[in-house]
Protein backbone atom coordinates (compact mmCIF):
# COMPACT_ATOMS: atom_id res chain seq x y z
CA MET A 1 0.00 0.00 0.00
CA SER A 2 1.42 3.40 -0.95
CA MET A 3 1.53 6.17 1.59
CA LYS A 4 3.00 9.60 2.07
CA ARG A 5 5.35 10.33 4.95
CA ILE A 6 6.21 13.83 6.09
CA ALA A 7 8.92 14.70 8.58
CA GLY A 8 8.71 17.79 10.72
CA ASN A 9 7.39 19.32 13.91
CA ILE A 10 3.86 17.93 13.91
CA LEU A 11 1.14 19.51 16.02
CA THR A 12 -0.91 16.70 17.57
CA PRO A 13 -3.65 16.91 20.21
CA SER A 14 -0.93 16.18 22.80
CA GLY A 15 1.42 18.90 21.55
CA PHE A 16 4.25 19.14 19.04
CA VAL A 17 5.94 15.90 18.01
CA ARG A 18 9.27 15.96 16.18
CA GLY A 19 9.04 12.97 13.89
CA LEU A 20 6.92 11.55 11.08
CA ILE A 21 3.28 11.64 10.03
CA GLU A 22 2.03 8.96 7.64
CA PHE A 23 -1.05 9.11 5.42
CA GLY A 24 -2.82 6.07 4.00
CA ASP A 25 -4.48 5.51 0.63
CA ASP A 26 -7.86 6.25 2.21
CA GLY A 27 -6.75 9.82 2.91
CA ARG A 28 -6.57 9.39 6.66
CA VAL A 29 -3.69 9.58 9.11
CA LEU A 30 -2.08 6.18 9.65
CA ALA A 31 0.27 7.18 12.43
CA VAL A 32 2.26 9.98 14.02
CA SER A 33 5.58 8.94 15.53
CA GLY A 34 8.38 10.80 17.26
CA GLU A 35 9.09 12.59 20.51
CA LEU A 36 7.23 15.44 22.13
CA VAL A 37 9.04 18.78 21.97
CA ASP A 38 8.34 22.13 23.57
CA GLU A 39 6.54 24.68 21.39
CA ALA A 40 9.29 27.21 22.06
CA GLN A 41 11.75 24.99 20.16
CA VAL A 42 9.80 24.51 16.96
CA ARG A 43 9.91 28.06 15.57
CA ASP A 44 13.73 28.03 15.58
CA CYS A 45 13.99 24.66 13.86
CA SER A 46 14.80 24.21 10.18
CA GLU A 47 12.30 21.35 9.86
CA PRO A 48 8.80 22.36 8.69
CA LEU A 49 5.90 22.95 10.99
CA VAL A 50 3.03 20.54 10.29
CA LEU A 51 -0.32 21.86 11.54
CA PRO A 52 -3.89 20.65 11.02
CA GLY A 53 -5.36 22.05 7.80
CA PHE A 54 -7.40 25.20 8.20
CA ILE A 55 -11.21 25.02 8.32
CA ASP A 56 -13.21 28.04 7.13
CA LEU A 57 -16.94 28.05 7.81
CA HIS A 58 -17.70 31.35 6.05
CA VAL A 59 -16.53 31.59 2.43
CA HIS A 60 -18.35 33.61 -0.23
CA GLY A 61 -15.72 33.50 -2.93
CA GLY A 62 -12.13 33.79 -4.06
CA GLY A 63 -9.95 33.90 -7.14
CA GLY A 64 -12.46 36.14 -8.93
CA ARG A 65 -15.37 33.72 -8.44
CA ASP A 66 -18.47 34.08 -6.27
CA ILE A 67 -20.43 31.15 -4.80
CA MET A 68 -23.74 32.69 -5.89
CA GLU A 69 -22.79 32.71 -9.59
CA GLY A 70 -23.21 28.94 -9.88
CA GLY A 71 -21.45 26.89 -12.55
CA ASP A 72 -18.15 25.53 -11.31
CA ALA A 73 -17.60 28.47 -8.93
CA MET A 74 -17.63 26.24 -5.85
CA LEU A 75 -14.70 24.17 -7.14
CA ARG A 76 -12.70 27.20 -8.25
CA VAL A 77 -13.25 28.94 -4.91
CA SER A 78 -12.15 25.79 -3.08
CA GLU A 79 -8.94 25.75 -5.12
CA LEU A 80 -8.04 29.34 -4.31
CA HIS A 81 -8.50 28.78 -0.60
CA ALA A 82 -6.65 25.47 -0.64
CA ARG A 83 -3.62 27.35 -1.96
CA HIS A 84 -3.78 29.31 1.27
CA GLY A 85 -4.04 26.30 3.56
CA THR A 86 -7.80 25.79 3.84
CA THR A 87 -8.52 22.08 3.63
CA ALA A 88 -12.28 22.17 4.39
CA LEU A 89 -14.87 24.91 4.07
CA LEU A 90 -18.54 25.82 3.91
CA ALA A 91 -19.78 27.51 0.73
CA THR A 92 -21.61 30.59 1.99
CA THR A 93 -24.60 32.22 0.31
CA MET A 94 -25.80 35.80 0.16
CA THR A 95 -29.30 37.07 0.86
CA ALA A 96 -31.21 36.66 -2.41
CA PRO A 97 -34.58 35.70 -3.88
CA GLU A 98 -35.34 32.00 -3.59
CA GLN A 99 -34.79 31.40 -7.30
CA GLU A 100 -31.20 32.71 -7.08
CA LEU A 101 -30.46 30.61 -4.01
CA GLU A 102 -31.89 27.56 -5.78
CA GLN A 103 -29.72 28.22 -8.82
CA ALA A 104 -26.58 28.49 -6.70
CA LEU A 105 -27.30 25.31 -4.74
CA ALA A 106 -28.42 23.45 -7.87
CA ALA A 107 -25.00 24.19 -9.37
CA MET A 108 -23.41 22.69 -6.27
CA GLN A 109 -25.69 19.67 -6.56
CA ALA A 110 -24.58 19.19 -10.17
CA LEU A 111 -20.99 19.10 -8.99
CA GLY A 112 -21.98 16.67 -6.26
CA LEU A 113 -19.76 16.09 -3.27
CA GLN A 114 -16.74 15.65 -5.52
CA ARG A 115 -13.59 17.50 -4.58
CA SER A 116 -11.20 19.15 -6.98
CA PRO A 117 -7.84 17.36 -6.59
CA SER A 118 -6.27 20.74 -5.92
CA GLY A 119 -9.10 22.11 -3.79
CA ALA A 120 -10.47 22.04 -0.28
CA ARG A 121 -13.26 19.70 0.78
CA VAL A 122 -16.63 21.50 0.67
CA LEU A 123 -18.52 20.27 3.73
CA GLY A 124 -21.84 21.89 2.85
CA VAL A 125 -23.51 25.29 2.87
CA HIS A 126 -23.58 28.16 5.32
CA LEU A 127 -26.87 29.90 4.60
CA GLU A 128 -25.95 33.41 5.78
CA GLY A 129 -29.11 34.89 4.32
CA PRO A 130 -31.99 35.44 3.79
CA TYR A 131 -33.37 34.87 7.30
CA ILE A 132 -31.87 38.00 8.80
CA SER A 133 -32.89 41.48 9.92
CA ARG A 134 -33.48 44.15 7.30
CA GLU A 135 -32.12 46.66 9.84
CA LYS A 136 -28.77 44.84 10.03
CA LEU A 137 -28.09 43.84 6.44
CA GLY A 138 -24.46 44.92 6.48
CA ALA A 139 -23.41 44.18 2.90
CA GLN A 140 -26.25 41.75 2.27
CA PRO A 141 -28.69 42.64 -0.54
CA ASP A 142 -32.13 43.74 0.64
CA PHE A 143 -33.98 40.44 0.25
CA ALA A 144 -34.21 39.58 3.94
CA ARG A 145 -37.32 37.68 4.94
CA ALA A 146 -38.72 35.43 7.64
CA LEU A 147 -37.69 31.80 7.52
CA ASP A 148 -39.99 29.62 5.44
CA LEU A 149 -39.65 25.93 6.28
CA ALA A 150 -40.77 24.78 2.84
CA GLU A 151 -38.17 27.01 1.19
CA LEU A 152 -35.46 25.75 3.54
CA GLN A 153 -36.37 22.13 2.82
CA ARG A 154 -36.22 22.74 -0.93
CA LEU A 155 -32.78 24.30 -0.62
CA ASN A 156 -31.48 21.59 1.69
CA LYS A 157 -32.52 18.88 -0.80
CA LEU A 158 -30.28 20.51 -3.40
CA PHE A 159 -27.12 20.62 -1.25
CA PRO A 160 -26.66 19.97 2.49
CA ILE A 161 -27.06 23.09 4.63
CA ARG A 162 -24.88 22.86 7.73
CA LEU A 163 -25.21 26.35 9.23
CA ILE A 164 -28.02 28.90 9.18
CA THR A 165 -27.48 32.50 10.24
CA LEU A 166 -30.68 33.68 11.89
CA ALA A 167 -31.92 36.95 13.41
CA PRO A 168 -33.92 35.60 16.37
CA GLU A 169 -35.99 38.76 16.88
CA VAL A 170 -37.68 38.43 13.46
CA PRO A 171 -41.31 37.39 14.16
CA GLY A 172 -41.66 33.61 14.14
CA HIS A 173 -37.93 32.84 14.27
CA MET A 174 -37.62 32.20 18.00
CA ASP A 175 -40.17 29.38 17.88
CA LEU A 176 -38.36 27.74 14.95
CA ILE A 177 -34.96 27.41 16.59
CA GLU A 178 -35.72 24.23 18.55
CA PRO A 179 -37.25 22.28 15.64
CA LEU A 180 -34.48 23.42 13.28
CA CYS A 181 -31.83 22.22 15.73
CA ALA A 182 -33.69 18.94 16.16
CA ALA A 183 -33.66 18.53 12.37
CA GLY A 184 -29.85 18.77 12.37
CA PHE A 185 -29.27 22.38 11.36
CA ARG A 186 -26.80 24.40 13.37
CA ILE A 187 -28.27 27.81 14.15
CA GLN A 188 -26.10 30.82 14.76
CA ILE A 189 -27.15 34.36 15.55
CA GLY A 190 -26.20 37.13 13.15
CA HIS A 191 -27.28 40.15 11.11
CA THR A 192 -29.51 40.94 14.05
CA GLN A 193 -30.95 43.91 15.86
CA GLY A 194 -32.04 41.72 18.74
CA SER A 195 -31.53 42.54 22.39
CA TYR A 196 -29.42 40.78 25.00
CA GLU A 197 -32.57 39.12 26.33
CA GLU A 198 -33.59 37.87 22.89
CA GLY A 199 -30.12 36.49 22.32
CA LEU A 200 -30.17 34.69 25.63
CA GLN A 201 -33.56 33.19 24.78
CA ALA A 202 -32.23 32.03 21.40
CA LEU A 203 -29.31 30.27 23.09
CA SER A 204 -31.69 28.58 25.52
CA LYS A 205 -33.61 27.19 22.53
CA GLY A 206 -30.52 25.71 20.91
CA ALA A 207 -28.71 28.41 18.94
CA VAL A 208 -25.00 27.86 19.51
CA GLY A 209 -22.92 30.39 17.59
CA PHE A 210 -22.60 33.97 16.37
CA THR A 211 -21.92 35.10 12.81
CA HIS A 212 -18.85 37.38 12.45
CA LEU A 213 -18.91 38.47 16.08
CA PHE A 214 -19.17 42.26 16.59
CA ASN A 215 -20.20 42.89 12.96
CA ALA A 216 -23.86 43.40 11.94
CA MET A 217 -25.27 42.92 15.43
CA THR A 218 -26.28 45.08 18.39
CA GLY A 219 -23.14 46.20 20.17
CA PHE A 220 -22.18 46.15 23.82
CA HIS A 221 -23.22 48.91 26.21
CA HIS A 222 -23.13 48.53 29.98
CA ARG A 223 -26.86 49.25 30.24
CA ALA A 224 -27.81 47.41 27.03
CA PRO A 225 -25.34 44.55 26.45
CA GLY A 226 -26.86 43.60 23.09
CA MET A 227 -25.98 40.51 21.07
CA VAL A 228 -22.28 41.16 21.59
CA GLY A 229 -22.90 41.00 25.33
CA VAL A 230 -24.74 37.68 25.00
CA ALA A 231 -21.84 36.20 23.06
CA LEU A 232 -19.20 37.44 25.49
CA ALA A 233 -21.15 36.32 28.55
CA HIS A 234 -22.65 33.03 27.42
CA ALA A 235 -21.39 31.68 24.08
CA ASN A 236 -19.22 28.61 23.77
CA PHE A 237 -18.63 29.27 20.07
CA ALA A 238 -18.51 32.30 17.78
CA GLU A 239 -16.80 33.18 14.53
CA VAL A 240 -14.63 36.26 14.11
CA ILE A 241 -12.91 37.83 11.08
CA PRO A 242 -9.27 38.48 12.09
CA ASP A 243 -8.27 40.64 9.11
CA LEU A 244 -7.70 43.52 11.59
CA ILE A 245 -10.12 45.62 9.53
CA HIS A 246 -13.47 44.17 10.59
CA VAL A 247 -12.55 43.98 14.28
CA HIS A 248 -9.97 45.90 16.31
CA PRO A 249 -7.25 43.66 17.79
CA GLY A 250 -8.34 44.78 21.27
CA ALA A 251 -11.87 43.54 20.65
CA ILE A 252 -10.52 40.23 19.36
CA ARG A 253 -8.52 39.90 22.59
CA VAL A 254 -11.72 40.43 24.59
CA ALA A 255 -13.44 37.70 22.59
CA LEU A 256 -10.49 35.33 22.99
CA ARG A 257 -10.78 35.64 26.77
CA ALA A 258 -14.58 35.36 26.80
CA VAL A 259 -15.55 32.75 24.18
CA PRO A 260 -13.84 29.36 24.69
CA GLY A 261 -14.48 28.13 21.14
CA LEU A 262 -13.87 31.38 19.28
CA TYR A 263 -12.79 30.41 15.76
CA CYS A 264 -11.62 32.37 12.74
CA VAL A 265 -13.36 32.76 9.40
CA THR A 266 -12.40 34.76 6.35
CA ASP A 267 -15.84 35.94 5.12
CA SER A 268 -13.86 36.08 1.89
CA THR A 269 -15.23 37.39 -1.39
CA ALA A 270 -14.32 36.89 -5.03
CA ALA A 271 -11.66 39.57 -4.45
CA ALA A 272 -9.58 37.21 -2.29
CA GLY A 273 -6.36 36.37 -4.08
CA MET A 274 -7.02 39.01 -6.73
CA PRO A 275 -5.67 42.49 -7.55
CA ASP A 276 -7.50 45.68 -6.64
CA GLY A 277 -10.65 46.20 -8.70
CA ASP A 278 -14.38 45.51 -8.85
CA TYR A 279 -15.88 42.07 -8.13
CA LYS A 280 -19.28 40.46 -7.60
CA LEU A 281 -20.70 39.59 -4.20
CA GLY A 282 -24.12 38.12 -4.87
CA ARG A 283 -26.06 40.93 -6.57
CA HIS A 284 -23.62 43.58 -5.33
CA THR A 285 -20.55 44.96 -7.04
CA VAL A 286 -17.79 45.45 -4.49
CA SER A 287 -14.43 47.16 -4.74
CA LYS A 288 -11.13 45.84 -3.43
CA CYS A 289 -8.69 48.55 -2.34
CA LEU A 290 -5.97 48.73 0.32
CA GLY A 291 -6.71 45.20 1.49
CA GLY A 292 -10.42 45.80 2.15
CA VAL A 293 -13.63 45.14 0.23
CA ARG A 294 -16.41 47.71 0.32
CA LEU A 295 -19.69 48.73 -1.26
CA ALA A 296 -19.88 52.07 -3.07
CA ASP A 297 -21.08 53.75 0.16
CA GLY A 298 -18.04 52.50 2.08
CA THR A 299 -19.74 49.62 3.91
CA LEU A 300 -17.41 46.70 4.57
CA ALA A 301 -18.47 43.86 2.26
CA GLY A 302 -16.68 40.69 3.24
CA SER A 303 -12.91 40.47 3.07
CA THR A 304 -9.87 39.43 1.09
CA LEU A 305 -8.54 37.45 4.04
CA THR A 306 -7.12 33.94 3.64
CA MET A 307 -6.65 31.52 6.49
CA ASP A 308 -2.85 31.45 6.32
CA GLN A 309 -2.86 35.20 6.90
CA ALA A 310 -5.39 34.72 9.70
CA LEU A 311 -2.91 32.39 11.41
CA ARG A 312 -0.08 34.89 10.97
CA ASN A 313 -2.26 37.69 12.37
CA LEU A 314 -3.11 35.65 15.44
CA VAL A 315 0.55 34.94 16.12
CA SER A 316 2.26 38.18 15.11
CA GLU A 317 -0.41 40.78 15.90
CA LEU A 318 -2.31 39.16 18.77
CA GLY A 319 0.54 37.25 20.38
CA LEU A 320 -1.00 33.77 20.41
CA GLY A 321 1.19 30.70 20.58
CA LEU A 322 1.13 28.35 17.60
CA ARG A 323 -0.87 25.66 19.36
CA GLU A 324 -3.53 28.13 20.46
CA ALA A 325 -3.63 29.86 17.07
CA SER A 326 -4.02 26.50 15.32
CA ARG A 327 -7.07 25.70 17.42
CA ARG A 328 -8.62 29.01 16.38
CA VAL A 329 -8.16 28.38 12.65
CA SER A 330 -8.95 24.67 12.63
CA THR A 331 -9.91 22.60 15.67
CA HIS A 332 -12.62 24.81 17.15
CA ALA A 333 -14.43 25.08 13.81
CA ALA A 334 -14.40 21.29 13.49
CA ASP A 335 -15.69 20.95 17.04
CA TYR A 336 -18.44 23.44 16.31
CA LEU A 337 -19.69 21.29 13.44
CA GLY A 338 -19.31 18.13 15.54
CA LEU A 339 -16.49 16.78 13.35
CA THR A 340 -14.14 14.66 15.45
CA ASP A 341 -12.08 13.50 12.46
CA ARG A 342 -11.02 16.92 11.15
CA GLY A 343 -9.11 19.80 12.68
CA ARG A 344 -6.53 17.58 14.39
CA LEU A 345 -3.64 15.35 13.35
CA ALA A 346 -4.21 11.97 14.97
CA THR A 347 -4.62 8.37 13.86
CA ASP A 348 -7.76 7.77 11.74
CA CYS A 349 -8.50 11.48 11.32
CA TRP A 350 -8.59 12.92 7.83
CA GLY A 351 -5.10 13.67 6.56
CA ASP A 352 -5.57 17.43 6.27
CA ALA A 353 -2.37 19.33 7.01
CA VAL A 354 -0.39 22.45 6.21
CA LEU A 355 3.39 22.61 6.10
CA LEU A 356 4.87 25.95 7.12
CA ASP A 357 8.31 27.42 7.46
CA ARG A 358 9.54 29.31 10.52
CA ASP A 359 7.96 32.52 9.18
CA LEU A 360 4.59 30.73 8.88
CA GLN A 361 4.69 30.84 5.10
CA LEU A 362 3.13 27.85 3.35
CA ILE A 363 5.36 25.13 1.93
CA ASP A 364 2.69 22.55 1.06
CA VAL A 365 -0.98 21.78 1.68
CA ILE A 366 -2.24 18.23 2.18
CA VAL A 367 -5.97 17.52 1.69
CA GLU A 368 -7.13 14.06 2.63
CA GLY A 369 -3.63 12.64 2.42
CA ARG A 370 -2.59 14.20 -0.91
CA SER A 371 -0.65 17.36 -1.75
CA ILE A 372 -2.76 19.79 -3.74
CA ASP A 373 0.30 20.38 -5.93
CA HIS A 374 0.88 16.68 -6.60
CA PRO A 375 -2.50 14.96 -6.02
CA ASN A 376 -1.60 11.87 -8.05
CA ALA A 377 1.78 11.22 -6.48
CA ALA A 378 2.15 7.82 -4.87
């Protein structure tokens, strides 16, 4: 049986191991062998760092392509992000009329659950809209509406929906959270004008996360803690965009102390990996300039962030250690989705890994046991 062996400083659930990781033909980890070493030693070593592949649960686009355009966009987006270390992701929709959502998911259905040999694994869909507040659209087009179960079922039959962003204060939404959770959907709060009390009620009914924490939700005030206050006081999980544009580093530090399972997302658009210029984001045209993506009125509209840069930001700008930073770009997202076989390098887990040099620049990306640069190598 052929296999791939990689030597380096391998981050396992027990810590860094200086030794070998072996991948089997089934794409899973066969074994990790070697001796435990202190994290302080690995950054000064000439051998590569081997971390779990990054997991991004909020991806709108990349490489000039937008998930909502259909066709083969999903595969092309997965390839762009794989080149930046993402080994698994959720294709994320924009708020749109049902027909446009159906067209986007039908295109995904036509592609099936196949994976491009040079792309990340698409785990399903994050339905960021349309079940959000019209008062907190952010950069979402103005097609927000109350959740319709029949519509949701039609969409889910086309391609599996894993996450639903929901504004719990919208009439009828609060009563739907429990049955939606029971049906297997993971509900997270976002694009919401709800109060602290409404957020707390949503959590009590089964909502478990927050969409791009701090952005497009009621902020924190000491007499009106808002949705941000609910997340900081009660959430076990929340996503945050660490591009240092969407959220001030100080606010990220607050969230890191308050939310045990805080994990990073890119909220990336078609502009990710592309030069400055105009790109599509659902129905919107957005402009990339100076590292940001904005609507014509200046509203932030997703990002150009990639997960390798997210890791570097956590380490260099926020001062996290490598082990902690890795959890924030990989393990916690897997845990949030209930995936015990991704987001960690251990026997029988999927062989998703990134190889980095001492400056945290990518050397290679392994998706399900194969390099994206040499997917057919024995």
